[in-house]
Amino acid sequence: MKKHTPLLEKLFAKDYQLIDGTDEIFELDLALWEYEALSKKELIDRSAYLKSVDGKETTHFRTCNLQNLEEVHKNSSFRTKVFFLDGKYSTGYATHSLFPYRGKFHPQLIRALLNILDIKPGHTVLDPMAGSSTVAVEANLLGIDAISVDLSPFCELMGKVKTFALNLDMNILESIVANPKEILEKLKKDRAPEYFKNNKDDKKRSYYEIVLLAFLDTVGFAGRSNSSIDKLFPRVLERYISTIKYFQEARQKMDLKIGRSKIIQGSVMKLPIDDNSIDAIITSPPYSFAIDYLKNDQPQLEYLGHNLEVLRQEMIGLQGRGVENKLEIYFNKMDQALGEMKRVSKKNAPVVIIIGTNDIQTNGVRLETKVIELGEKQGLKFELNLKKPIRGLQNTMKEESILFFTNQK
């Protein structure tokens, strides 16, 4: 038999170990990119995919192991518990598990992108279609400042909670949630309490928003199960508090410096951001009309008092009749969005767009091909299309494209 050297031994030097679960081609690709782009110290401090370097465990690996996920999910269903424990290093760490949002980014992927784009503390990264603000959370974990923009007020709430919960006073939070039954009586109405409309400058407002998000998570949970909100809310709230508590303990032990976030409700087609002020953009637009995010978030948005039809007129991917008309409107809006990304980002800033195509819905029109064309028309130089497979949706959408551009100004 001819002698064979295993792939990982060919790619990485001896004493470099990959983190558990790094087994897909795109993950190996990004791990190799990190390995080639970062110094040994940077790999230990920032790497998304390495477990250890020269026998020294990386910060990400150690932080994830300090978060006590077994205890956090002790009352979760077996399926939920397995999901988060399996995603211990990829999706279930820090505050990402607070309201697991449909269609959200893979956090470990975003950490790797920040590394290979050479985005560091002192820089500002923007996600102009932010969803649940995964980019902002990952940036903040690396000490990087972030701006999240999304048209949905519910996404604004998720982003504010997930970034605020990275660095807060646990004593204040635990005092607020001391009586879950009393909290539930105040929240269990047709609409959110007036407090959230009238007390925007209250110092404790961010803490109350954590409780509000836990309630809205419970509303969705109850709709998918046979249990009532009364039974589920104490469990969900306990999971939120323990998630935040164990992350706070890990953050303090690892001495993590958390970056700042600005979470804005607004449109990617008219960004409330100065020209030439952003060091990098990482975002993922709606995949045309693959998911109706407003319908998906209807209970939460109506509870917060928002008119879905008003939002529907502005949101990308939710207008038009018939495939051809829907795609025409979608690409017109994406053209405006790409123009805004060019305007606000600095010269030579990287712009990364993650997008997938549901061929059945688009009659074979590839969204990534058109977005590359529109980006180049706006002056964004296309650099690379890195393919990422999608698990669980193989029948309709097999992969996503990670499109790398550079703003040439």
Protein backbone atom coordinates (compact mmCIF):
# COMPACT_ATOMS: atom_id res chain seq x y z
CA MET A 1 0.00 0.00 0.00
CA LYS A 2 1.28 3.45 -0.90
CA LYS A 3 1.89 5.65 2.10
CA HIS A 4 -0.90 8.19 2.68
CA THR A 5 -0.85 11.42 4.68
CA PRO A 6 -4.29 12.33 6.13
CA LEU A 7 -5.81 15.56 4.77
CA LEU A 8 -5.66 17.49 8.07
CA GLU A 9 -1.97 16.65 8.48
CA LYS A 10 -1.35 18.07 5.00
CA LEU A 11 -3.29 21.25 5.76
CA PHE A 12 -2.20 22.10 9.30
CA ALA A 13 1.09 21.92 11.20
CA LYS A 14 1.58 19.39 13.95
CA ASP A 15 0.05 20.43 17.30
CA TYR A 16 -2.72 22.45 15.61
CA GLN A 17 -6.09 20.86 16.45
CA LEU A 18 -9.44 21.73 14.90
CA ILE A 19 -12.44 22.34 17.13
CA ASP A 20 -14.96 19.47 17.39
CA GLY A 21 -17.47 19.38 14.52
CA THR A 22 -15.26 21.14 11.96
CA ASP A 23 -15.82 18.60 9.22
CA GLU A 24 -17.50 20.21 6.22
CA ILE A 25 -15.45 21.41 3.24
CA PHE A 26 -16.38 25.07 3.69
CA GLU A 27 -15.41 24.88 7.37
CA LEU A 28 -12.03 23.37 6.52
CA ASP A 29 -11.62 26.07 3.88
CA LEU A 30 -12.29 28.84 6.42
CA ALA A 31 -10.13 27.14 9.06
CA LEU A 32 -7.26 26.99 6.59
CA TRP A 33 -7.85 30.65 5.66
CA GLU A 34 -7.67 31.62 9.36
CA TYR A 35 -4.54 29.46 9.77
CA GLU A 36 -2.82 31.22 6.89
CA ALA A 37 -3.98 34.77 7.72
CA LEU A 38 -3.56 34.99 11.52
CA SER A 39 -0.45 34.84 13.72
CA LYS A 40 -0.19 32.12 16.38
CA LYS A 41 -1.30 34.57 19.09
CA GLU A 42 -4.21 35.78 16.97
CA LEU A 43 -5.28 32.19 16.34
CA ILE A 44 -5.32 31.51 20.09
CA ASP A 45 -7.20 34.74 20.84
CA ARG A 46 -9.70 34.82 17.94
CA SER A 47 -9.92 31.62 15.88
CA ALA A 48 -13.37 30.20 15.16
CA TYR A 49 -12.31 26.73 14.07
CA LEU A 50 -9.12 25.87 15.97
CA LYS A 51 -9.27 24.07 19.29
CA SER A 52 -5.60 24.44 20.22
CA VAL A 53 -2.34 25.87 18.88
CA ASP A 54 0.93 24.28 20.01
CA GLY A 55 -1.04 22.62 22.80
CA LYS A 56 -2.62 25.88 24.02
CA GLU A 57 -6.43 25.94 23.92
CA THR A 58 -8.04 28.81 22.01
CA THR A 59 -10.21 31.47 23.67
CA HIS A 60 -13.32 30.40 21.72
CA PHE A 61 -12.93 26.76 22.77
CA ARG A 62 -12.37 27.66 26.42
CA THR A 63 -15.22 30.20 26.55
CA CYS A 64 -17.71 27.74 25.05
CA ASN A 65 -16.71 25.09 27.60
CA LEU A 66 -17.25 27.50 30.49
CA GLN A 67 -20.88 28.17 29.60
CA ASN A 68 -22.38 25.12 31.29
CA LEU A 69 -24.88 24.34 28.50
CA GLU A 70 -25.96 21.08 30.21
CA GLU A 71 -27.29 23.14 33.11
CA VAL A 72 -28.77 25.85 30.84
CA HIS A 73 -30.85 23.28 28.95
CA LYS A 74 -31.66 20.95 31.86
CA ASN A 75 -35.41 21.61 31.40
CA SER A 76 -35.38 21.71 27.58
CA SER A 77 -36.81 18.93 25.45
CA PHE A 78 -34.39 16.17 24.47
CA ARG A 79 -34.39 17.40 20.87
CA THR A 80 -33.66 21.01 21.87
CA LYS A 81 -30.97 19.95 24.32
CA VAL A 82 -29.20 17.82 21.71
CA PHE A 83 -29.43 20.64 19.16
CA PHE A 84 -27.71 23.16 21.41
CA LEU A 85 -25.14 20.75 22.82
CA ASP A 86 -24.22 19.65 19.30
CA GLY A 87 -23.84 23.33 18.41
CA LYS A 88 -21.78 24.13 21.48
CA TYR A 89 -18.96 25.68 19.41
CA SER A 90 -20.96 26.71 16.33
CA THR A 91 -24.38 28.12 17.26
CA GLY A 92 -25.22 27.62 20.95
CA TYR A 93 -22.69 29.85 22.71
CA ALA A 94 -22.78 33.40 24.16
CA THR A 95 -26.25 34.96 23.71
CA HIS A 96 -27.02 33.47 20.29
CA SER A 97 -29.53 30.98 21.73
CA LEU A 98 -31.80 33.74 23.07
CA PHE A 99 -34.72 33.47 20.64
CA PRO A 100 -33.18 31.12 18.01
CA TYR A 101 -34.27 33.01 14.89
CA ARG A 102 -35.26 31.32 11.64
CA GLY A 103 -32.72 31.90 8.89
CA LYS A 104 -30.08 33.39 11.17
CA PHE A 105 -26.35 33.27 10.42
CA HIS A 106 -24.05 30.51 11.58
CA PRO A 107 -22.17 32.44 14.35
CA GLN A 108 -18.92 30.45 14.01
CA LEU A 109 -18.87 31.29 10.29
CA ILE A 110 -19.21 35.02 11.06
CA ARG A 111 -16.31 34.85 13.56
CA ALA A 112 -14.13 33.27 10.87
CA LEU A 113 -15.14 35.92 8.32
CA LEU A 114 -14.23 38.73 10.73
CA ASN A 115 -10.83 37.09 11.17
CA ILE A 116 -10.00 36.52 7.53
CA LEU A 117 -11.21 40.04 6.62
CA ASP A 118 -8.74 41.36 9.23
CA ILE A 119 -11.43 43.23 11.19
CA LYS A 120 -10.11 44.12 14.66
CA PRO A 121 -10.90 46.32 17.70
CA GLY A 122 -11.04 49.93 16.54
CA HIS A 123 -12.94 48.95 13.38
CA THR A 124 -16.70 49.12 12.83
CA VAL A 125 -18.56 46.36 11.02
CA LEU A 126 -22.06 46.85 9.59
CA ASP A 127 -24.87 44.39 8.94
CA PRO A 128 -27.52 46.41 7.05
CA MET A 129 -30.05 43.53 6.95
CA ALA A 130 -29.27 42.32 10.43
CA GLY A 131 -32.05 39.91 11.42
CA SER A 132 -31.18 38.80 14.95
CA SER A 133 -27.79 40.64 14.91
CA THR A 134 -25.49 37.61 14.81
CA VAL A 135 -22.79 39.74 13.15
CA ALA A 136 -22.97 42.34 15.95
CA VAL A 137 -22.77 39.68 18.68
CA GLU A 138 -19.76 38.00 17.06
CA ALA A 139 -18.02 41.34 16.46
CA ASN A 140 -18.61 42.42 20.06
CA LEU A 141 -17.21 39.11 21.36
CA LEU A 142 -13.98 39.98 19.53
CA GLY A 143 -13.97 43.53 20.95
CA ILE A 144 -15.12 45.05 17.64
CA ASP A 145 -17.83 47.73 17.38
CA ALA A 146 -20.86 46.94 15.24
CA ILE A 147 -23.92 48.58 13.70
CA SER A 148 -27.05 46.52 13.00
CA VAL A 149 -29.83 47.85 10.77
CA ASP A 150 -33.10 46.04 10.10
CA LEU A 151 -36.55 47.22 9.08
CA SER A 152 -38.29 44.86 11.50
CA PRO A 153 -38.92 46.28 15.01
CA PHE A 154 -38.83 42.71 16.32
CA CYS A 155 -35.33 42.23 14.87
CA GLU A 156 -34.34 45.51 16.52
CA LEU A 157 -35.51 44.10 19.87
CA MET A 158 -33.61 40.82 19.38
CA GLY A 159 -30.43 42.68 18.43
CA LYS A 160 -30.64 45.00 21.43
CA VAL A 161 -31.17 42.11 23.85
CA LYS A 162 -28.47 39.82 22.43
CA THR A 163 -25.79 42.52 22.39
CA PHE A 164 -26.75 44.12 25.72
CA ALA A 165 -26.75 40.71 27.44
CA LEU A 166 -23.06 40.26 26.58
CA ASN A 167 -22.07 42.71 29.32
CA LEU A 168 -24.55 43.59 32.05
CA ASP A 169 -25.07 43.63 35.82
CA MET A 170 -26.45 40.22 36.84
CA ASN A 171 -27.61 41.59 40.22
CA ILE A 172 -30.01 43.99 38.49
CA LEU A 173 -31.29 41.30 36.13
CA GLU A 174 -31.85 38.74 38.91
CA SER A 175 -33.70 41.30 41.03
CA ILE A 176 -36.04 42.08 38.11
CA VAL A 177 -36.91 38.43 37.40
CA ALA A 178 -37.34 37.39 41.04
CA ASN A 179 -41.11 36.84 40.60
CA PRO A 180 -41.87 35.25 37.18
CA LYS A 181 -45.60 34.91 37.99
CA GLU A 182 -45.95 38.64 38.60
CA ILE A 183 -43.99 39.41 35.40
CA LEU A 184 -46.23 37.12 33.37
CA GLU A 185 -49.38 38.85 34.68
CA LYS A 186 -48.04 42.17 33.38
CA LEU A 187 -46.99 40.80 30.00
CA LYS A 188 -49.88 38.47 29.24
CA LYS A 189 -52.00 41.05 27.40
CA ASP A 190 -52.99 41.67 23.79
CA ARG A 191 -50.27 44.32 23.44
CA ALA A 192 -46.92 45.07 25.08
CA PRO A 193 -47.15 47.21 28.24
CA GLU A 194 -47.10 50.98 27.71
CA TYR A 195 -43.77 51.08 29.58
CA PHE A 196 -41.96 50.02 26.41
CA LYS A 197 -43.38 52.99 24.48
CA ASN A 198 -42.90 55.65 27.13
CA ASN A 199 -39.65 54.90 28.94
CA LYS A 200 -36.97 54.86 26.28
CA ASP A 201 -34.38 56.47 28.59
CA ASP A 202 -35.04 54.33 31.67
CA LYS A 203 -31.71 52.84 32.83
CA LYS A 204 -33.38 49.49 33.47
CA ARG A 205 -35.19 49.36 30.13
CA SER A 206 -32.60 47.04 28.53
CA TYR A 207 -33.09 44.58 31.39
CA TYR A 208 -36.88 44.65 30.94
CA GLU A 209 -36.40 44.03 27.21
CA ILE A 210 -34.68 40.73 28.06
CA VAL A 211 -37.84 39.69 29.91
CA LEU A 212 -40.00 40.91 27.01
CA LEU A 213 -38.01 38.81 24.50
CA ALA A 214 -38.32 35.76 26.76
CA PHE A 215 -42.11 36.28 26.78
CA LEU A 216 -42.25 36.61 22.97
CA ASP A 217 -40.12 33.46 22.69
CA THR A 218 -42.66 31.73 24.92
CA VAL A 219 -45.56 32.90 22.72
CA GLY A 220 -43.95 31.26 19.69
CA PHE A 221 -43.03 28.16 21.68
CA ALA A 222 -46.61 27.76 22.95
CA GLY A 223 -47.92 28.02 19.39
CA ARG A 224 -45.78 25.06 18.36
CA SER A 225 -46.52 22.86 21.38
CA ASN A 226 -49.37 21.58 23.52
CA SER A 227 -48.27 23.54 26.58
CA SER A 228 -49.66 26.87 27.75
CA ILE A 229 -47.82 30.16 28.07
CA ASP A 230 -48.35 29.97 31.86
CA LYS A 231 -46.45 26.67 32.04
CA LEU A 232 -43.74 27.53 29.53
CA PHE A 233 -42.82 31.10 30.53
CA PRO A 234 -41.00 30.26 33.82
CA ARG A 235 -38.92 27.63 31.97
CA VAL A 236 -38.03 29.94 29.08
CA LEU A 237 -37.21 32.82 31.44
CA GLU A 238 -35.01 30.55 33.55
CA ARG A 239 -33.17 29.44 30.39
CA TYR A 240 -32.60 33.06 29.39
CA ILE A 241 -31.24 34.00 32.82
CA SER A 242 -28.98 30.97 33.11
CA THR A 243 -27.67 31.49 29.54
CA ILE A 244 -26.73 35.08 30.37
CA LYS A 245 -25.40 34.22 33.84
CA TYR A 246 -23.06 31.49 32.64
CA PHE A 247 -21.83 33.62 29.76
CA GLN A 248 -21.12 36.50 32.18
CA GLU A 249 -19.07 34.13 34.35
CA ALA A 250 -17.17 32.87 31.29
CA ARG A 251 -16.59 36.43 30.02
CA GLN A 252 -15.15 37.53 33.36
CA LYS A 253 -12.96 34.45 33.71
CA MET A 254 -11.62 34.85 30.15
CA ASP A 255 -11.35 38.66 30.56
CA LEU A 256 -13.14 39.23 27.24
CA LYS A 257 -13.32 42.85 26.09
CA ILE A 258 -16.78 43.35 24.62
CA GLY A 259 -17.24 45.80 21.74
CA ARG A 260 -20.11 48.28 21.43
CA SER A 261 -23.20 47.88 19.29
CA LYS A 262 -25.65 50.31 17.77
CA ILE A 263 -28.95 48.65 16.85
CA ILE A 264 -31.11 50.66 14.44
CA GLN A 265 -34.58 50.10 13.02
CA GLY A 266 -34.20 51.29 9.44
CA SER A 267 -33.97 50.42 5.77
CA VAL A 268 -30.91 49.13 3.92
CA MET A 269 -32.09 51.27 1.00
CA LYS A 270 -31.66 54.47 3.06
CA LEU A 271 -29.03 53.74 5.68
CA PRO A 272 -28.83 56.32 8.51
CA ILE A 273 -25.03 56.10 8.39
CA ASP A 274 -22.36 58.59 7.23
CA ASP A 275 -20.49 58.16 3.93
CA ASN A 276 -17.15 56.27 4.05
CA SER A 277 -17.50 55.38 7.75
CA ILE A 278 -17.69 51.55 7.77
CA ASP A 279 -14.65 49.23 7.79
CA ALA A 280 -16.47 46.08 6.65
CA ILE A 281 -19.94 44.85 5.77
CA ILE A 282 -21.23 41.33 6.36
CA THR A 283 -24.87 40.70 5.59
CA SER A 284 -27.44 38.32 4.21
CA PRO A 285 -30.48 39.68 2.34
CA PRO A 286 -33.77 37.78 2.17
CA TYR A 287 -33.40 35.02 -0.44
CA SER A 288 -35.94 36.70 -2.71
CA PHE A 289 -39.33 35.47 -1.42
CA ALA A 290 -38.07 32.19 0.09
CA ILE A 291 -39.25 33.14 3.60
CA ASP A 292 -42.00 35.61 4.54
CA TYR A 293 -40.31 37.00 7.64
CA LEU A 294 -43.30 39.21 8.50
CA LYS A 295 -45.66 36.24 8.50
CA ASN A 296 -43.08 34.27 10.46
CA ASP A 297 -42.88 37.02 13.11
CA GLN A 298 -46.56 38.05 13.00
CA PRO A 299 -47.42 37.21 16.66
CA GLN A 300 -44.41 39.11 17.96
CA LEU A 301 -44.84 42.15 15.69
CA GLU A 302 -48.58 42.46 16.44
CA TYR A 303 -47.90 42.18 20.18
CA LEU A 304 -45.38 45.01 19.84
CA GLY A 305 -48.10 47.08 18.12
CA HIS A 306 -46.78 47.25 14.54
CA ASN A 307 -48.75 47.24 11.29
CA LEU A 308 -47.53 44.35 9.14
CA GLU A 309 -48.89 45.80 5.89
CA VAL A 310 -46.91 49.02 6.33
CA LEU A 311 -43.72 47.02 6.90
CA ARG A 312 -44.56 44.74 3.95
CA GLN A 313 -44.43 47.67 1.50
CA GLU A 314 -40.79 48.39 2.39
CA MET A 315 -39.28 44.99 3.13
CA ILE A 316 -37.14 43.38 0.42
CA GLY A 317 -38.67 40.26 -1.15
CA LEU A 318 -42.31 40.76 -0.13
CA GLN A 319 -43.78 42.70 -3.06
CA GLY A 320 -45.09 41.81 -6.51
CA ARG A 321 -47.33 39.29 -8.26
CA GLY A 322 -45.97 36.29 -10.10
CA VAL A 323 -42.35 35.15 -10.20
CA GLU A 324 -41.14 37.56 -12.90
CA ASN A 325 -42.62 40.66 -11.25
CA LYS A 326 -41.44 39.62 -7.78
CA LEU A 327 -37.89 39.10 -9.02
CA GLU A 328 -37.87 42.43 -10.88
CA ILE A 329 -38.87 44.30 -7.72
CA TYR A 330 -36.45 42.25 -5.62
CA PHE A 331 -33.46 43.01 -7.85
CA ASN A 332 -34.37 46.73 -8.04
CA LYS A 333 -34.33 46.92 -4.26
CA MET A 334 -31.10 44.91 -4.05
CA ASP A 335 -29.53 47.35 -6.53
CA GLN A 336 -30.41 50.25 -4.19
CA ALA A 337 -29.16 48.27 -1.19
CA LEU A 338 -25.79 47.57 -2.83
CA GLY A 339 -25.49 51.27 -3.71
CA GLU A 340 -25.99 52.17 -0.06
CA MET A 341 -23.40 49.59 1.03
CA LYS A 342 -20.91 51.17 -1.37
CA ARG A 343 -21.72 54.68 -0.06
CA VAL A 344 -21.25 53.98 3.65
CA SER A 345 -18.17 51.71 3.43
CA LYS A 346 -14.59 52.96 3.14
CA LYS A 347 -12.38 52.53 0.08
CA ASN A 348 -11.07 48.93 -0.13
CA ALA A 349 -13.48 47.83 2.61
CA PRO A 350 -14.62 44.20 2.24
CA VAL A 351 -18.32 43.55 1.60
CA VAL A 352 -19.52 39.99 2.16
CA ILE A 353 -23.00 38.91 1.09
CA ILE A 354 -24.38 35.48 1.94
CA ILE A 355 -27.25 34.41 -0.29
CA GLY A 356 -28.99 31.26 -1.50
CA THR A 357 -31.39 30.42 -4.31
CA ASN A 358 -34.56 28.37 -4.17
CA ASP A 359 -34.65 27.29 -7.84
CA ILE A 360 -38.21 26.08 -7.59
CA GLN A 361 -39.46 29.47 -6.39
CA THR A 362 -37.36 31.52 -8.86
CA ASN A 363 -37.87 29.30 -11.91
CA GLY A 364 -34.13 28.70 -12.06
CA VAL A 365 -32.98 32.34 -11.79
CA ARG A 366 -29.81 32.30 -9.66
CA LEU A 367 -29.87 35.14 -7.13
CA GLU A 368 -26.13 35.03 -6.46
CA THR A 369 -25.35 35.50 -10.19
CA LYS A 370 -27.53 38.60 -10.38
CA VAL A 371 -26.19 40.02 -7.09
CA ILE A 372 -22.61 39.69 -8.42
CA GLU A 373 -23.70 41.57 -11.56
CA LEU A 374 -25.45 44.31 -9.54
CA GLY A 375 -22.52 44.62 -7.13
CA GLU A 376 -20.02 45.13 -9.96
CA LYS A 377 -22.37 47.67 -11.56
CA GLN A 378 -22.25 49.63 -8.29
CA GLY A 379 -18.42 49.54 -8.19
CA LEU A 380 -17.93 46.60 -5.84
CA LYS A 381 -15.17 44.35 -7.18
CA PHE A 382 -16.21 40.70 -7.02
CA GLU A 383 -13.46 38.54 -5.50
CA LEU A 384 -14.73 35.06 -4.60
CA ASN A 385 -17.80 32.83 -4.31
CA LEU A 386 -17.34 30.32 -1.48
CA LYS A 387 -20.03 27.62 -1.43
CA LYS A 388 -21.65 26.52 1.81
CA PRO A 389 -24.04 23.53 1.90
CA ILE A 390 -27.37 23.88 3.69
CA ARG A 391 -28.33 21.09 6.05
CA GLY A 392 -31.94 19.94 6.24
CA LEU A 393 -33.29 21.83 3.21
CA GLN A 394 -31.63 19.80 0.45
CA ASN A 395 -34.90 19.24 -1.41
CA THR A 396 -35.37 22.92 -2.18
CA MET A 397 -32.10 24.79 -1.52
CA LYS A 398 -28.84 22.87 -1.57
CA GLU A 399 -26.29 25.55 -0.82
CA GLU A 400 -25.58 29.18 -0.07
CA SER A 401 -22.99 31.42 -1.68
CA ILE A 402 -20.61 33.52 0.41
CA LEU A 403 -19.82 36.36 -2.00
CA PHE A 404 -16.70 38.45 -1.32
CA PHE A 405 -16.48 41.97 -2.79
CA THR A 406 -14.09 44.90 -2.30
CA ASN A 407 -15.34 48.49 -2.39
CA GLN A 408 -13.21 50.20 -5.02
CA LYS A 409 -14.96 53.63 -4.63
